[in-house]
Amino acid sequence: MSNVYEAIKKLDSKEERKELCAFFTANPEKLAIAERILPTCVDFEEVVSYFKGLLKHERLVVEFPSKRRKYNNDNQKLARFWNALKDGKVEKHDGGQFLELSRDAYYLLGKDEQGSNISTLFIRECYHHLCKIIFESKKTRWRITGNPGIGKTFFGFYILYLLSQQRKTVVYHIHSKPPILFSEEGVFSHTVDNIHAFQDYLANEEV
């Protein structure tokens, strides 16, 4: 086993052990650096000091802005997107189902090939089968993968719509993009691609 993980097991704080394990799992290059640094520590106290310094440097504590503090422009648009999902309606047209949203949904949905803001999603039949699997499972974390152009992003938005109807708290993360926290308390996007910024929420089974 890695010397780093052996050292982590000796830490008193369960939360710090979990956070360090998650951090090194997500950042293997940092694990390699730590493997080289640990042998230079003269005693375990110095190891603990190194770990705490690493957590202090890497940890990004996320708090919702106070009511008196204004959201930045992105968060305002994201909040309007979330509200658009909550107010969305499923309509039937020509035998198919469509999710009709307000124009505020364009912020994440983007534009179509004609340059118009997208505010309508076609609900494919497979969406219902996939969602049934997801919502009947006890798992709380899901990754949507597949070939480019098959509709992963729009399926993700449909799941967000269903979760918004249940007033759930959701951590939404696209690879190489900053994560977003949607909740009834507020909507907050992080500044960098670091899902561990929402570590407290990820540890909550209700999220």
Protein backbone atom coordinates (compact mmCIF):
# COMPACT_ATOMS: atom_id res chain seq x y z
CA MET A 1 0.00 0.00 0.00
CA SER A 2 1.10 3.57 -0.61
CA ASN A 3 3.11 5.17 2.21
CA VAL A 4 0.83 8.19 1.89
CA TYR A 5 -2.34 6.18 2.60
CA GLU A 6 -0.60 4.38 5.49
CA ALA A 7 0.20 7.78 6.99
CA ILE A 8 -3.33 9.04 6.41
CA LYS A 9 -4.74 6.07 8.35
CA LYS A 10 -2.86 7.31 11.43
CA LEU A 11 -4.55 10.72 11.45
CA ASP A 12 -6.98 11.32 14.32
CA SER A 13 -9.58 13.24 12.32
CA LYS A 14 -11.96 11.02 10.35
CA GLU A 15 -12.99 14.00 8.19
CA GLU A 16 -9.38 14.79 7.31
CA ARG A 17 -8.72 11.14 6.45
CA LYS A 18 -11.74 11.09 4.12
CA GLU A 19 -10.84 14.42 2.55
CA LEU A 20 -7.21 13.48 1.93
CA CYS A 21 -8.15 10.09 0.45
CA ALA A 22 -10.67 11.76 -1.87
CA PHE A 23 -8.13 14.42 -2.82
CA PHE A 24 -5.34 11.98 -3.69
CA THR A 25 -7.74 9.67 -5.53
CA ALA A 26 -8.84 12.56 -7.72
CA ASN A 27 -5.30 13.93 -8.10
CA PRO A 28 -2.84 11.04 -8.63
CA GLU A 29 -0.10 13.47 -9.68
CA LYS A 30 -0.29 15.05 -6.20
CA LEU A 31 -0.07 11.57 -4.67
CA ALA A 32 3.22 10.98 -6.51
CA ILE A 33 4.58 14.26 -5.13
CA ALA A 34 3.48 13.36 -1.60
CA GLU A 35 5.21 9.97 -1.91
CA ARG A 36 8.48 11.80 -2.52
CA ILE A 37 7.94 14.33 0.27
CA LEU A 38 6.93 12.02 3.13
CA PRO A 39 10.35 10.30 3.44
CA THR A 40 11.89 13.72 4.08
CA CYS A 41 9.72 14.26 7.18
CA VAL A 42 11.69 13.63 10.38
CA ASP A 43 8.70 12.46 12.44
CA PHE A 44 4.95 11.90 12.29
CA GLU A 45 4.26 15.37 13.66
CA GLU A 46 5.91 16.79 10.56
CA VAL A 47 3.83 14.46 8.39
CA VAL A 48 0.66 15.74 10.05
CA SER A 49 1.82 19.30 9.54
CA TYR A 50 2.41 18.60 5.83
CA PHE A 51 -1.05 17.08 5.42
CA LYS A 52 -2.75 19.97 7.23
CA GLY A 53 -0.85 22.48 5.12
CA LEU A 54 -1.88 20.59 1.99
CA LEU A 55 -5.54 20.62 3.02
CA LYS A 56 -5.40 24.29 3.90
CA HIS A 57 -3.95 25.07 0.47
CA GLU A 58 -6.23 22.79 -1.53
CA ARG A 59 -9.48 22.98 0.42
CA LEU A 60 -11.99 25.37 -1.06
CA VAL A 61 -14.75 26.08 1.40
CA VAL A 62 -18.04 26.90 -0.25
CA GLU A 63 -20.70 28.93 1.54
CA PHE A 64 -23.81 30.46 0.11
CA PRO A 65 -23.64 34.24 -0.20
CA SER A 66 -25.57 36.09 2.48
CA LYS A 67 -28.86 37.72 1.55
CA ARG A 68 -27.15 41.11 1.59
CA ARG A 69 -24.39 39.99 -0.76
CA LYS A 70 -25.21 40.05 -4.45
CA TYR A 71 -24.72 36.99 -6.63
CA ASN A 72 -22.29 37.43 -9.47
CA ASN A 73 -23.70 37.54 -12.97
CA ASP A 74 -23.18 33.83 -13.67
CA ASN A 75 -24.94 32.76 -10.49
CA GLN A 76 -27.88 35.02 -11.27
CA LYS A 77 -28.27 33.40 -14.69
CA LEU A 78 -27.87 29.93 -13.21
CA ALA A 79 -30.55 30.72 -10.62
CA ARG A 80 -32.89 31.78 -13.41
CA PHE A 81 -32.07 28.55 -15.26
CA TRP A 82 -32.93 26.53 -12.15
CA ASN A 83 -36.20 28.41 -11.76
CA ALA A 84 -36.95 27.78 -15.44
CA LEU A 85 -36.58 24.04 -14.79
CA LYS A 86 -38.85 24.20 -11.74
CA ASP A 87 -41.49 26.02 -13.79
CA GLY A 88 -41.07 23.75 -16.83
CA LYS A 89 -44.00 21.88 -18.35
CA VAL A 90 -44.09 18.64 -20.34
CA GLU A 91 -46.30 19.02 -23.41
CA LYS A 92 -47.35 16.54 -26.10
CA HIS A 93 -46.91 17.47 -29.76
CA ASP A 94 -47.39 15.13 -32.72
CA GLY A 95 -47.21 12.07 -30.52
CA GLY A 96 -43.97 13.11 -28.82
CA GLN A 97 -43.22 14.69 -25.46
CA PHE A 98 -41.41 18.00 -25.13
CA LEU A 99 -40.14 19.86 -22.08
CA GLU A 100 -41.15 23.50 -22.51
CA LEU A 101 -39.03 26.00 -20.59
CA SER A 102 -38.83 29.76 -20.33
CA ARG A 103 -36.23 31.72 -22.27
CA ASP A 104 -34.01 31.82 -19.14
CA ALA A 105 -33.10 28.18 -19.80
CA TYR A 106 -30.90 29.21 -22.73
CA TYR A 107 -28.01 30.03 -20.39
CA LEU A 108 -27.06 26.35 -20.16
CA LEU A 109 -29.08 24.94 -23.06
CA GLY A 110 -27.32 27.26 -25.51
CA LYS A 111 -28.43 28.01 -29.06
CA ASP A 112 -29.61 25.87 -31.96
CA GLU A 113 -28.04 25.71 -35.41
CA GLN A 114 -29.99 28.81 -36.45
CA GLY A 115 -28.62 30.79 -33.54
CA SER A 116 -31.90 30.86 -31.60
CA ASN A 117 -32.00 30.28 -27.85
CA ILE A 118 -32.99 26.72 -26.98
CA SER A 119 -35.95 26.52 -24.60
CA THR A 120 -37.53 23.21 -25.64
CA LEU A 121 -36.21 19.69 -25.09
CA PHE A 122 -37.46 16.62 -26.92
CA ILE A 123 -37.96 13.84 -24.38
CA ARG A 124 -36.77 10.62 -25.95
CA GLU A 125 -38.46 7.37 -25.00
CA CYS A 126 -35.18 6.02 -23.63
CA TYR A 127 -35.07 8.91 -21.13
CA HIS A 128 -37.96 7.36 -19.21
CA HIS A 129 -36.26 3.95 -19.02
CA LEU A 130 -32.92 5.43 -17.95
CA CYS A 131 -34.51 7.69 -15.35
CA LYS A 132 -36.43 4.74 -13.90
CA ILE A 133 -33.13 2.94 -13.36
CA ILE A 134 -31.53 6.01 -11.78
CA PHE A 135 -34.37 7.00 -9.45
CA GLU A 136 -35.09 3.45 -8.29
CA SER A 137 -31.43 2.94 -7.40
CA LYS A 138 -29.99 3.75 -3.98
CA LYS A 139 -26.98 5.38 -5.61
CA THR A 140 -26.73 9.16 -5.39
CA ARG A 141 -23.90 9.75 -7.86
CA TRP A 142 -24.23 9.11 -11.57
CA ARG A 143 -21.93 9.74 -14.52
CA ILE A 144 -23.38 10.10 -18.03
CA THR A 145 -20.99 8.85 -20.69
CA GLY A 146 -21.16 7.91 -24.36
CA ASN A 147 -20.14 8.89 -27.87
CA PRO A 148 -20.23 12.56 -28.89
CA GLY A 149 -23.53 13.83 -30.23
CA ILE A 150 -25.86 11.18 -28.76
CA GLY A 151 -27.62 13.60 -26.41
CA LYS A 152 -25.83 13.15 -23.08
CA THR A 153 -26.06 16.83 -22.18
CA PHE A 154 -29.77 17.13 -22.89
CA PHE A 155 -30.50 13.92 -21.00
CA GLY A 156 -28.62 15.45 -18.08
CA PHE A 157 -30.83 18.53 -18.29
CA TYR A 158 -33.93 16.33 -18.26
CA ILE A 159 -32.69 14.66 -15.06
CA LEU A 160 -32.09 18.12 -13.60
CA TYR A 161 -35.67 19.00 -14.48
CA LEU A 162 -37.01 15.94 -12.64
CA LEU A 163 -34.83 16.68 -9.61
CA SER A 164 -35.93 20.31 -9.61
CA GLN A 165 -39.55 19.13 -9.45
CA GLN A 166 -38.65 17.23 -6.27
CA ARG A 167 -36.84 20.32 -4.90
CA LYS A 168 -33.67 18.28 -4.50
CA THR A 169 -30.18 19.61 -3.89
CA VAL A 170 -27.95 18.71 -6.86
CA VAL A 171 -24.24 18.95 -7.60
CA TYR A 172 -23.95 19.17 -11.38
CA HIS A 173 -20.52 18.72 -12.93
CA ILE A 174 -19.41 18.52 -16.55
CA HIS A 175 -15.88 17.27 -17.19
CA SER A 176 -13.36 20.14 -17.27
CA LYS A 177 -16.07 22.64 -16.26
CA PRO A 178 -16.63 24.30 -12.87
CA PRO A 179 -19.20 22.38 -10.76
CA ILE A 180 -22.59 23.91 -9.97
CA LEU A 181 -24.69 23.50 -6.84
CA PHE A 182 -28.47 23.76 -7.36
CA SER A 183 -30.66 23.92 -4.26
CA GLU A 184 -33.65 25.60 -2.68
CA GLU A 185 -31.25 27.73 -0.63
CA GLY A 186 -29.57 29.13 -3.70
CA VAL A 187 -27.51 28.37 -6.79
CA PHE A 188 -23.74 28.64 -6.73
CA SER A 189 -21.09 27.88 -9.32
CA HIS A 190 -17.46 27.42 -8.40
CA THR A 191 -14.71 29.39 -10.10
CA VAL A 192 -12.60 26.39 -11.15
CA ASP A 193 -13.02 22.73 -12.12
CA ASN A 194 -12.87 21.25 -8.62
CA ILE A 195 -15.85 19.17 -7.56
CA HIS A 196 -14.26 18.71 -4.12
CA ALA A 197 -15.24 22.32 -3.45
CA PHE A 198 -18.66 20.84 -2.67
CA GLN A 199 -17.25 18.05 -0.49
CA ASP A 200 -19.70 18.72 2.36
CA TYR A 201 -22.63 18.30 0.00
CA LEU A 202 -21.18 15.24 -1.75
CA ALA A 203 -20.94 13.51 1.63
CA ASN A 204 -24.68 14.08 2.17
CA GLU A 205 -26.74 11.07 1.07
CA GLU A 206 -29.69 13.37 0.29
CA VAL A 207 -27.70 15.25 -2.39
